[in-house]
Amino acid sequence: MDKGQTFLADVNASSSFINGEACDCCAAQLARSDNKLAMIFRNNDQNIRTIWAGISQDGGNSFDAGFEIDQTGSYFASCPATAPDGYWEGNRLISTFRAAPGGRERVFFSVFDLDSQKVVLHQYLTNSPDQLLAQNHPRITGNQDTVFLIWEESYAGNLDIKFRLSTTGPEGLVTAETKVLNQSTSGNQLRPDVHWENGRLHVVYQDVVTNQVIYISGKVDAVSPLNGVTKSTRVHLFLIRLPDLS
């Protein structure tokens, strides 16, 4: 209200309803819809480091309830330095995170229903026991029935950006086809992020081969959703060249 000259008092968004402490190397993520907020964070309770959501329904003035949206019970001897992500669709919090049940690094997605105060969907992308496979840094976005989940996947040390697309809500991610987003599979591609705006997806990731940040814009093919994302523009952000999204 005063151009950043003053701020409201700090609000405790985590420790009032849980044992342990916020995992200090995993960034928290804020999901907001009107006065409804979810502070999504990794908690550390004697090295059981699972994802929780602190819930506020008064615009962030208080977070008086918290829920464990990660049901893996993952043990990490040290902070895994990987953040959760999520957004609201109605009264459902749709989220994603990396966990390590049984020591295997896998991406999960979860749906928490605020009305029932229960996790109604909790699913891994793969239950493969292959120790050469590792998944990390997931991000998720969507609108109504369309959900787009993207992550970094390593196999035997080679990293690619992979995604799943559902046009039937988060439940459709369970059976959706996994696809590779990056055009070049040589070298490593990492740290994806995604944003949904006006019916279009905006994705960025780092390409280690070219030392560039790659930007891809696309929109969902509603006629044939298995075609995934139609790539329309590819531009190097470091050139400060904006894409034509018309």
Protein backbone atom coordinates (compact mmCIF):
# COMPACT_ATOMS: atom_id res chain seq x y z
CA MET A 1 0.00 0.00 0.00
CA ASP A 2 2.95 2.37 0.57
CA LYS A 3 5.31 1.12 -2.17
CA GLY A 4 7.18 -1.23 0.14
CA GLN A 5 8.00 1.24 2.89
CA THR A 6 6.33 -0.87 5.57
CA PHE A 7 5.22 -4.51 5.87
CA LEU A 8 2.80 -6.37 8.08
CA ALA A 9 4.14 -8.39 10.99
CA ASP A 10 5.59 -11.85 10.34
CA VAL A 11 3.09 -14.71 10.39
CA ASN A 12 4.09 -18.22 11.46
CA ALA A 13 3.04 -20.47 8.58
CA SER A 14 4.56 -23.76 9.74
CA SER A 15 5.59 -24.56 13.30
CA SER A 16 2.33 -23.78 15.10
CA PHE A 17 0.79 -27.12 14.07
CA ILE A 18 3.71 -29.51 13.60
CA ASN A 19 6.78 -30.95 15.30
CA GLY A 20 10.21 -30.35 13.84
CA GLU A 21 11.29 -27.40 11.74
CA ALA A 22 11.13 -26.20 8.17
CA CYS A 23 13.87 -27.82 6.08
CA ASP A 24 16.22 -24.90 5.52
CA CYS A 25 17.57 -25.75 2.04
CA CYS A 26 14.20 -26.52 0.42
CA ALA A 27 12.40 -23.38 -0.69
CA ALA A 28 8.76 -23.07 0.37
CA GLN A 29 6.09 -22.40 -2.22
CA LEU A 30 2.98 -20.25 -1.83
CA ALA A 31 -0.26 -21.17 -3.58
CA ARG A 32 -3.06 -18.61 -3.44
CA SER A 33 -6.66 -18.37 -4.58
CA ASP A 34 -8.48 -15.28 -3.30
CA ASN A 35 -8.18 -15.35 0.53
CA LYS A 36 -7.18 -19.01 0.56
CA LEU A 37 -3.43 -19.67 0.86
CA ALA A 38 -1.29 -22.77 1.14
CA MET A 39 2.31 -22.46 2.30
CA ILE A 40 3.86 -25.67 0.93
CA PHE A 41 7.13 -26.62 2.59
CA ARG A 42 9.35 -29.53 3.56
CA ASN A 43 9.35 -30.28 7.27
CA ASN A 44 12.26 -31.89 9.12
CA ASP A 45 11.34 -34.02 12.11
CA GLN A 46 14.47 -35.96 13.05
CA ASN A 47 15.36 -36.41 9.35
CA ILE A 48 11.87 -37.49 8.31
CA ARG A 49 11.54 -34.78 5.69
CA THR A 50 8.07 -34.74 4.17
CA ILE A 51 5.99 -32.05 2.48
CA TRP A 52 3.36 -30.17 4.47
CA ALA A 53 0.88 -27.42 3.62
CA GLY A 54 0.05 -24.68 6.10
CA ILE A 55 -3.45 -23.44 5.30
CA SER A 56 -4.82 -19.92 5.69
CA GLN A 57 -8.37 -18.91 4.83
CA ASP A 58 -8.08 -15.29 5.92
CA GLY A 59 -5.67 -13.92 3.34
CA GLY A 60 -2.53 -14.98 5.20
CA ASN A 61 -3.26 -13.30 8.51
CA SER A 62 -3.04 -16.69 10.21
CA PHE A 63 -2.09 -20.27 9.36
CA ASP A 64 -3.87 -22.24 12.04
CA ALA A 65 -3.98 -25.64 10.34
CA GLY A 66 -1.45 -27.79 8.58
CA PHE A 67 -1.61 -31.08 6.71
CA GLU A 68 0.99 -33.60 5.60
CA ILE A 69 0.36 -33.87 1.86
CA ASP A 70 3.38 -36.14 1.37
CA GLN A 71 2.64 -39.61 2.75
CA THR A 72 5.95 -41.27 1.88
CA GLY A 73 7.65 -40.86 5.27
CA SER A 74 10.88 -40.13 3.38
CA TYR A 75 14.13 -40.14 5.33
CA PHE A 76 16.92 -37.78 4.26
CA ALA A 77 20.11 -37.62 6.30
CA SER A 78 20.59 -34.07 5.03
CA CYS A 79 18.40 -31.52 3.29
CA PRO A 80 17.69 -32.63 -0.31
CA ALA A 81 17.51 -29.01 -1.52
CA THR A 82 14.48 -29.51 -3.74
CA ALA A 83 11.26 -27.51 -3.51
CA PRO A 84 7.61 -28.53 -3.76
CA ASP A 85 5.12 -26.79 -6.03
CA GLY A 86 1.35 -26.49 -6.17
CA TYR A 87 -1.78 -24.52 -7.00
CA TRP A 88 -5.45 -24.36 -6.02
CA GLU A 89 -8.26 -25.62 -8.24
CA GLY A 90 -11.40 -24.80 -6.34
CA ASN A 91 -10.95 -26.24 -2.84
CA ARG A 92 -8.39 -28.80 -4.00
CA LEU A 93 -4.67 -28.18 -3.55
CA ILE A 94 -2.81 -29.89 -6.38
CA SER A 95 0.88 -30.31 -5.59
CA THR A 96 4.06 -32.09 -6.59
CA PHE A 97 7.32 -32.85 -4.80
CA ARG A 98 10.32 -35.14 -4.75
CA ALA A 99 10.44 -37.89 -2.16
CA ALA A 100 12.72 -40.86 -1.55
CA PRO A 101 10.81 -43.87 -0.24
CA GLY A 102 13.18 -46.80 0.04
CA GLY A 103 16.05 -44.52 -0.95
CA ARG A 104 14.75 -44.08 -4.52
CA GLU A 105 14.44 -40.44 -5.68
CA ARG A 106 11.02 -40.13 -7.27
CA VAL A 107 8.53 -37.38 -8.14
CA PHE A 108 5.07 -37.61 -6.57
CA PHE A 109 1.90 -35.60 -7.03
CA SER A 110 -0.83 -35.13 -4.49
CA VAL A 111 -4.35 -33.73 -4.21
CA PHE A 112 -5.52 -32.36 -0.86
CA ASP A 113 -9.24 -31.67 -0.48
CA LEU A 114 -9.84 -28.76 1.86
CA ASP A 115 -13.50 -29.62 2.47
CA SER A 116 -12.76 -33.11 3.82
CA GLN A 117 -9.26 -32.11 5.01
CA LYS A 118 -7.88 -35.29 3.46
CA VAL A 119 -5.35 -36.25 0.81
CA VAL A 120 -7.56 -37.81 -1.85
CA LEU A 121 -4.84 -38.64 -4.37
CA HIS A 122 -1.19 -39.48 -3.71
CA GLN A 123 0.77 -40.98 -6.58
CA TYR A 124 4.31 -41.54 -7.83
CA LEU A 125 5.25 -41.13 -11.49
CA THR A 126 7.05 -44.46 -11.49
CA ASN A 127 7.65 -47.20 -8.95
CA SER A 128 10.59 -48.60 -10.90
CA PRO A 129 13.22 -50.07 -8.57
CA ASP A 130 15.98 -49.07 -11.02
CA GLN A 131 18.64 -47.29 -8.95
CA LEU A 132 20.04 -45.59 -12.09
CA LEU A 133 16.81 -43.58 -12.38
CA ALA A 134 16.36 -40.37 -10.38
CA GLN A 135 13.71 -37.64 -10.61
CA ASN A 136 13.88 -34.14 -9.20
CA HIS A 137 12.70 -30.51 -9.31
CA PRO A 138 9.05 -31.02 -10.31
CA ARG A 139 6.74 -28.14 -11.16
CA ILE A 140 3.02 -28.20 -11.78
CA THR A 141 0.39 -25.89 -13.22
CA GLY A 142 -3.09 -26.14 -14.64
CA ASN A 143 -6.54 -24.75 -15.18
CA GLN A 144 -9.80 -26.59 -14.52
CA ASP A 145 -9.36 -30.11 -15.99
CA THR A 146 -6.00 -29.44 -17.64
CA VAL A 147 -2.91 -30.27 -15.55
CA PHE A 148 0.71 -30.07 -16.70
CA LEU A 149 3.49 -31.67 -14.64
CA ILE A 150 7.14 -31.21 -15.56
CA TRP A 151 10.32 -32.49 -13.91
CA GLU A 152 14.01 -33.25 -14.31
CA GLU A 153 14.88 -36.90 -14.84
CA SER A 154 18.29 -38.53 -14.73
CA TYR A 155 19.16 -41.96 -16.00
CA ALA A 156 22.75 -43.13 -15.54
CA GLY A 157 23.75 -39.49 -15.13
CA ASN A 158 22.09 -38.03 -18.25
CA LEU A 159 19.44 -35.41 -17.45
CA ASP A 160 16.35 -34.61 -19.54
CA ILE A 161 13.20 -32.57 -18.99
CA LYS A 162 10.09 -34.75 -18.99
CA PHE A 163 6.39 -33.99 -18.64
CA ARG A 164 2.91 -35.42 -18.36
CA LEU A 165 -0.26 -33.71 -19.52
CA SER A 166 -3.80 -34.51 -18.40
CA THR A 167 -7.05 -33.03 -19.70
CA THR A 168 -9.08 -34.98 -17.13
CA GLY A 169 -7.75 -33.39 -13.95
CA PRO A 170 -4.89 -34.59 -11.74
CA GLU A 171 -6.37 -38.10 -11.76
CA GLY A 172 -5.46 -38.31 -15.44
CA LEU A 173 -1.77 -37.86 -14.64
CA VAL A 174 -1.72 -41.42 -13.27
CA THR A 175 -2.02 -42.94 -16.75
CA ALA A 176 -0.81 -40.05 -18.90
CA GLU A 177 2.10 -40.73 -21.23
CA THR A 178 5.52 -39.48 -20.13
CA LYS A 179 7.25 -37.43 -22.83
CA VAL A 180 10.62 -35.72 -23.25
CA LEU A 181 10.32 -31.95 -23.68
CA ASN A 182 13.84 -31.00 -24.75
CA GLN A 183 14.61 -31.45 -28.46
CA SER A 184 18.23 -32.39 -27.87
CA THR A 185 18.85 -35.32 -25.54
CA SER A 186 22.63 -34.92 -25.55
CA GLY A 187 24.21 -33.50 -22.43
CA ASN A 188 22.14 -32.30 -19.50
CA GLN A 189 18.94 -30.27 -19.37
CA LEU A 190 17.82 -29.20 -15.91
CA ARG A 191 15.77 -27.05 -13.51
CA PRO A 192 12.47 -26.69 -15.39
CA ASP A 193 9.73 -24.26 -14.49
CA VAL A 194 6.27 -23.76 -15.94
CA HIS A 195 3.49 -21.16 -15.88
CA TRP A 196 -0.04 -21.21 -17.28
CA GLU A 197 -1.52 -17.98 -18.57
CA ASN A 198 -4.45 -17.29 -20.92
CA GLY A 199 -4.65 -20.83 -22.23
CA ARG A 200 -0.95 -21.11 -22.99
CA LEU A 201 1.92 -22.90 -21.26
CA HIS A 202 5.25 -21.17 -20.72
CA VAL A 203 8.22 -23.41 -19.91
CA VAL A 204 11.86 -22.63 -19.16
CA TYR A 205 14.79 -24.92 -18.44
CA GLN A 206 18.58 -24.80 -18.44
CA ASP A 207 20.50 -26.41 -21.31
CA VAL A 208 24.01 -27.22 -20.08
CA VAL A 209 25.21 -28.15 -23.59
CA THR A 210 24.71 -24.60 -24.93
CA ASN A 211 24.93 -22.80 -21.56
CA GLN A 212 21.60 -21.18 -22.32
CA VAL A 213 18.17 -20.93 -20.77
CA ILE A 214 15.57 -22.30 -23.18
CA TYR A 215 12.04 -20.92 -23.32
CA ILE A 216 9.18 -22.82 -24.93
CA SER A 217 5.64 -21.59 -25.37
CA GLY A 218 2.86 -23.98 -26.26
CA LYS A 219 -0.82 -24.64 -25.96
CA VAL A 220 -2.75 -27.78 -25.19
CA ASP A 221 -4.12 -29.74 -28.11
CA ALA A 222 -7.65 -30.36 -26.90
CA VAL A 223 -8.54 -32.59 -29.85
CA SER A 224 -5.75 -35.08 -29.27
CA PRO A 225 -4.37 -34.60 -25.76
CA LEU A 226 -1.79 -37.37 -26.17
CA ASN A 227 -0.03 -35.07 -28.60
CA GLY A 228 0.77 -33.07 -25.50
CA VAL A 229 2.11 -29.59 -26.03
CA THR A 230 2.38 -28.04 -29.46
CA LYS A 231 5.67 -26.13 -29.43
CA SER A 232 5.17 -22.78 -31.07
CA THR A 233 8.12 -20.62 -30.06
CA ARG A 234 11.66 -21.35 -28.94
CA VAL A 235 13.86 -18.48 -27.84
CA HIS A 236 16.99 -17.96 -25.73
CA LEU A 237 15.99 -15.77 -22.82
CA PHE A 238 19.52 -14.55 -22.29
CA LEU A 239 19.13 -12.58 -25.53
CA ILE A 240 16.18 -10.72 -23.95
CA ARG A 241 14.18 -11.54 -27.08
CA LEU A 242 10.47 -11.94 -26.38
CA PRO A 243 8.40 -14.54 -28.26
CA ASP A 244 5.50 -13.69 -30.52
CA LEU A 245 2.56 -15.37 -28.80
CA SER A 246 -0.10 -14.17 -31.19
